[in-house]
Amino acid sequence: MSLTSPLRYTPDKQAADRWLSDLYASRAARAGQQVTCSSHDIEAIVGWQVFLADLSRRGFSAIENAGLVTVFCNDLPVQRFGPA
């Protein structure tokens, strides 16, 4: 699943808000570090459009690999190392 996958259905807004709130309430997120979540959970609970809009609103960035999404809970640039 890529970060630009189309939304397949509309998730419940209250569940989405609660999930996002819980994600960013973690100690790591509050400290400006990174949090990891399942791309399946994003699609099923929040929806990609809502998730990406929330990332943008917060000034955060994220990467996806092997079904996991790592969110960098700060506005610092992300550097990638290794082969492209």
N, C-alpha and C. Protein backbone atom coordinates (compact mmCIF):
# COMPACT_ATOMS: atom_id res chain seq x y z
N MET A 1 0.85 -1.17 0.00
CA MET A 1 0.00 0.00 0.00
C MET A 1 0.89 1.23 0.00
N SER A 2 0.69 2.11 -0.91
CA SER A 2 1.50 3.32 -0.96
C SER A 2 0.77 4.46 -0.28
N LEU A 3 1.52 5.49 0.04
CA LEU A 3 0.93 6.65 0.72
C LEU A 3 -0.06 7.39 -0.16
N THR A 4 -0.07 7.11 -1.45
CA THR A 4 -0.99 7.79 -2.34
C THR A 4 -2.14 6.91 -2.80
N SER A 5 -2.35 5.79 -2.12
CA SER A 5 -3.43 4.88 -2.50
C SER A 5 -4.78 5.58 -2.36
N PRO A 6 -5.71 5.29 -3.26
CA PRO A 6 -7.03 5.92 -3.15
C PRO A 6 -7.79 5.40 -1.95
N LEU A 7 -8.60 6.25 -1.38
CA LEU A 7 -9.43 5.88 -0.24
C LEU A 7 -10.53 4.96 -0.75
N ARG A 8 -10.71 3.80 -0.11
CA ARG A 8 -11.69 2.82 -0.56
C ARG A 8 -13.06 3.02 0.07
N TYR A 9 -13.10 3.57 1.25
CA TYR A 9 -14.37 3.80 1.95
C TYR A 9 -14.14 4.91 2.95
N THR A 10 -15.19 5.41 3.53
CA THR A 10 -15.08 6.50 4.49
C THR A 10 -15.07 5.95 5.90
N PRO A 11 -13.95 6.06 6.61
CA PRO A 11 -13.89 5.59 7.99
C PRO A 11 -14.75 6.45 8.91
N ASP A 12 -15.06 5.93 10.08
CA ASP A 12 -15.82 6.65 11.10
C ASP A 12 -14.98 7.82 11.61
N LYS A 13 -15.51 9.03 11.57
CA LYS A 13 -14.77 10.23 11.96
C LYS A 13 -14.32 10.20 13.42
N GLN A 14 -15.20 9.76 14.32
CA GLN A 14 -14.82 9.70 15.74
C GLN A 14 -13.69 8.71 15.97
N ALA A 15 -13.75 7.56 15.33
CA ALA A 15 -12.69 6.56 15.48
C ALA A 15 -11.38 7.11 14.91
N ALA A 16 -11.46 7.80 13.78
CA ALA A 16 -10.26 8.37 13.16
C ALA A 16 -9.64 9.43 14.07
N ASP A 17 -10.45 10.32 14.60
CA ASP A 17 -9.95 11.36 15.49
C ASP A 17 -9.30 10.77 16.73
N ARG A 18 -9.92 9.74 17.29
CA ARG A 18 -9.39 9.08 18.49
C ARG A 18 -8.06 8.39 18.17
N TRP A 19 -7.99 7.72 17.02
CA TRP A 19 -6.77 7.01 16.63
C TRP A 19 -5.62 8.00 16.44
N LEU A 20 -5.88 9.10 15.75
CA LEU A 20 -4.84 10.11 15.54
C LEU A 20 -4.42 10.72 16.87
N SER A 21 -5.36 11.00 17.73
CA SER A 21 -5.06 11.57 19.04
C SER A 21 -4.17 10.62 19.84
N ASP A 22 -4.50 9.34 19.83
CA ASP A 22 -3.69 8.34 20.55
C ASP A 22 -2.28 8.24 19.95
N LEU A 23 -2.19 8.28 18.63
CA LEU A 23 -0.89 8.17 17.96
C LEU A 23 0.04 9.29 18.40
N TYR A 24 -0.48 10.51 18.42
CA TYR A 24 0.36 11.67 18.75
C TYR A 24 0.44 11.95 20.24
N ALA A 25 -0.25 11.18 21.07
CA ALA A 25 -0.16 11.35 22.52
C ALA A 25 1.00 10.56 23.12
N SER A 26 1.64 9.73 22.32
CA SER A 26 2.74 8.91 22.84
C SER A 26 3.90 9.80 23.28
N ARG A 27 4.69 9.28 24.19
CA ARG A 27 5.84 10.03 24.70
C ARG A 27 6.80 10.39 23.56
N ALA A 28 7.04 9.44 22.65
CA ALA A 28 7.95 9.70 21.54
C ALA A 28 7.44 10.83 20.66
N ALA A 29 6.17 10.81 20.35
CA ALA A 29 5.59 11.87 19.50
C ALA A 29 5.69 13.22 20.18
N ARG A 30 5.37 13.27 21.46
CA ARG A 30 5.43 14.54 22.19
C ARG A 30 6.85 15.06 22.30
N ALA A 31 7.84 14.16 22.24
CA ALA A 31 9.25 14.55 22.32
C ALA A 31 9.84 14.89 20.95
N GLY A 32 9.01 14.84 19.90
CA GLY A 32 9.49 15.17 18.56
C GLY A 32 10.26 14.05 17.91
N GLN A 33 10.07 12.82 18.38
CA GLN A 33 10.76 11.67 17.81
C GLN A 33 9.87 11.03 16.75
N GLN A 34 9.98 9.73 16.54
CA GLN A 34 9.17 9.06 15.53
C GLN A 34 8.25 8.03 16.15
N VAL A 35 7.13 7.81 15.47
CA VAL A 35 6.19 6.76 15.86
C VAL A 35 5.93 5.90 14.62
N THR A 36 5.64 4.64 14.84
CA THR A 36 5.40 3.71 13.74
C THR A 36 4.01 3.12 13.88
N CYS A 37 3.34 3.00 12.76
CA CYS A 37 2.01 2.40 12.75
C CYS A 37 1.84 1.59 11.47
N SER A 38 0.83 0.79 11.44
CA SER A 38 0.55 -0.07 10.30
C SER A 38 -0.15 0.71 9.20
N SER A 39 0.28 0.51 7.96
CA SER A 39 -0.40 1.15 6.84
C SER A 39 -1.83 0.63 6.72
N HIS A 40 -2.06 -0.63 7.13
CA HIS A 40 -3.41 -1.18 7.13
C HIS A 40 -4.30 -0.41 8.11
N ASP A 41 -3.78 -0.12 9.30
CA ASP A 41 -4.55 0.64 10.27
C ASP A 41 -4.89 2.04 9.75
N ILE A 42 -3.94 2.66 9.11
CA ILE A 42 -4.20 3.99 8.55
C ILE A 42 -5.35 3.91 7.56
N GLU A 43 -5.28 2.97 6.65
CA GLU A 43 -6.32 2.84 5.64
C GLU A 43 -7.67 2.46 6.26
N ALA A 44 -7.66 1.54 7.22
CA ALA A 44 -8.91 1.03 7.78
C ALA A 44 -9.56 1.97 8.78
N ILE A 45 -8.75 2.67 9.57
CA ILE A 45 -9.30 3.48 10.66
C ILE A 45 -9.42 4.95 10.30
N VAL A 46 -8.41 5.47 9.65
CA VAL A 46 -8.36 6.91 9.39
C VAL A 46 -8.64 7.25 7.93
N GLY A 47 -8.04 6.50 7.02
CA GLY A 47 -8.10 6.82 5.60
C GLY A 47 -6.87 7.64 5.23
N TRP A 48 -6.31 7.35 4.07
CA TRP A 48 -5.07 8.01 3.66
C TRP A 48 -5.22 9.52 3.49
N GLN A 49 -6.32 9.95 2.94
CA GLN A 49 -6.51 11.39 2.72
C GLN A 49 -6.50 12.15 4.04
N VAL A 50 -7.20 11.64 5.03
CA VAL A 50 -7.24 12.29 6.35
C VAL A 50 -5.86 12.24 7.00
N PHE A 51 -5.20 11.09 6.93
CA PHE A 51 -3.88 10.93 7.54
C PHE A 51 -2.88 11.90 6.92
N LEU A 52 -2.84 11.98 5.59
CA LEU A 52 -1.89 12.86 4.93
C LEU A 52 -2.20 14.33 5.20
N ALA A 53 -3.47 14.67 5.26
CA ALA A 53 -3.84 16.05 5.60
C ALA A 53 -3.40 16.40 7.01
N ASP A 54 -3.54 15.45 7.95
CA ASP A 54 -3.12 15.68 9.32
C ASP A 54 -1.60 15.83 9.40
N LEU A 55 -0.86 15.00 8.67
CA LEU A 55 0.60 15.13 8.63
C LEU A 55 1.00 16.52 8.16
N SER A 56 0.37 16.96 7.09
CA SER A 56 0.67 18.27 6.52
C SER A 56 0.35 19.38 7.51
N ARG A 57 -0.79 19.28 8.16
CA ARG A 57 -1.21 20.30 9.12
C ARG A 57 -0.20 20.43 10.26
N ARG A 58 0.34 19.30 10.69
CA ARG A 58 1.30 19.29 11.80
C ARG A 58 2.73 19.61 11.36
N GLY A 59 2.99 19.60 10.05
CA GLY A 59 4.33 19.83 9.55
C GLY A 59 5.23 18.62 9.68
N PHE A 60 4.64 17.43 9.84
CA PHE A 60 5.39 16.19 9.99
C PHE A 60 5.60 15.53 8.62
N SER A 61 6.52 14.57 8.57
CA SER A 61 6.71 13.77 7.37
C SER A 61 6.66 12.30 7.76
N ALA A 62 6.51 11.44 6.76
CA ALA A 62 6.41 10.00 7.03
C ALA A 62 7.00 9.22 5.87
N ILE A 63 7.41 8.00 6.17
CA ILE A 63 7.86 7.07 5.14
C ILE A 63 7.11 5.75 5.35
N GLU A 64 6.97 4.99 4.27
CA GLU A 64 6.28 3.70 4.34
C GLU A 64 7.20 2.63 3.77
N ASN A 65 7.27 1.49 4.47
CA ASN A 65 8.06 0.36 4.02
C ASN A 65 7.49 -0.90 4.62
N ALA A 66 7.26 -1.90 3.78
CA ALA A 66 6.82 -3.22 4.22
C ALA A 66 5.58 -3.18 5.11
N GLY A 67 4.65 -2.30 4.78
CA GLY A 67 3.40 -2.24 5.52
C GLY A 67 3.44 -1.43 6.80
N LEU A 68 4.57 -0.81 7.08
CA LEU A 68 4.69 0.04 8.26
C LEU A 68 4.96 1.48 7.84
N VAL A 69 4.37 2.41 8.55
CA VAL A 69 4.56 3.82 8.30
C VAL A 69 5.26 4.41 9.51
N THR A 70 6.38 5.07 9.28
CA THR A 70 7.10 5.77 10.33
C THR A 70 6.83 7.26 10.17
N VAL A 71 6.30 7.86 11.22
CA VAL A 71 5.99 9.28 11.21
C VAL A 71 7.06 10.00 12.02
N PHE A 72 7.67 11.01 11.41
CA PHE A 72 8.66 11.83 12.09
C PHE A 72 7.92 13.02 12.67
N CYS A 73 7.81 13.05 13.97
CA CYS A 73 6.97 14.03 14.68
C CYS A 73 7.73 15.33 14.95
N ASN A 74 8.30 15.87 13.89
CA ASN A 74 8.97 17.15 13.94
C ASN A 74 9.02 17.69 12.51
N ASP A 75 9.49 18.90 12.35
CA ASP A 75 9.52 19.48 11.01
C ASP A 75 10.92 19.49 10.41
N LEU A 76 11.81 18.67 10.96
CA LEU A 76 13.17 18.58 10.45
C LEU A 76 13.21 17.77 9.15
N PRO A 77 14.20 18.06 8.28
CA PRO A 77 14.30 17.29 7.03
C PRO A 77 14.66 15.83 7.31
N VAL A 78 14.21 14.95 6.45
CA VAL A 78 14.50 13.51 6.56
C VAL A 78 15.55 13.17 5.51
N GLN A 79 16.61 12.50 5.92
CA GLN A 79 17.63 12.05 5.00
C GLN A 79 17.48 10.55 4.80
N ARG A 80 17.67 10.11 3.58
CA ARG A 80 17.59 8.69 3.27
C ARG A 80 19.00 8.20 2.98
N PHE A 81 19.36 7.04 3.56
CA PHE A 81 20.67 6.43 3.34
C PHE A 81 20.48 5.07 2.67
N GLY A 82 21.44 4.68 1.88
CA GLY A 82 21.36 3.38 1.23
C GLY A 82 20.95 3.51 -0.22
N PRO A 83 20.86 2.38 -0.92
CA PRO A 83 20.51 2.42 -2.34
C PRO A 83 19.09 2.93 -2.54
N ALA A 84 18.91 3.57 -3.66
CA ALA A 84 17.59 4.17 -3.97
C ALA A 84 16.58 3.15 -4.39
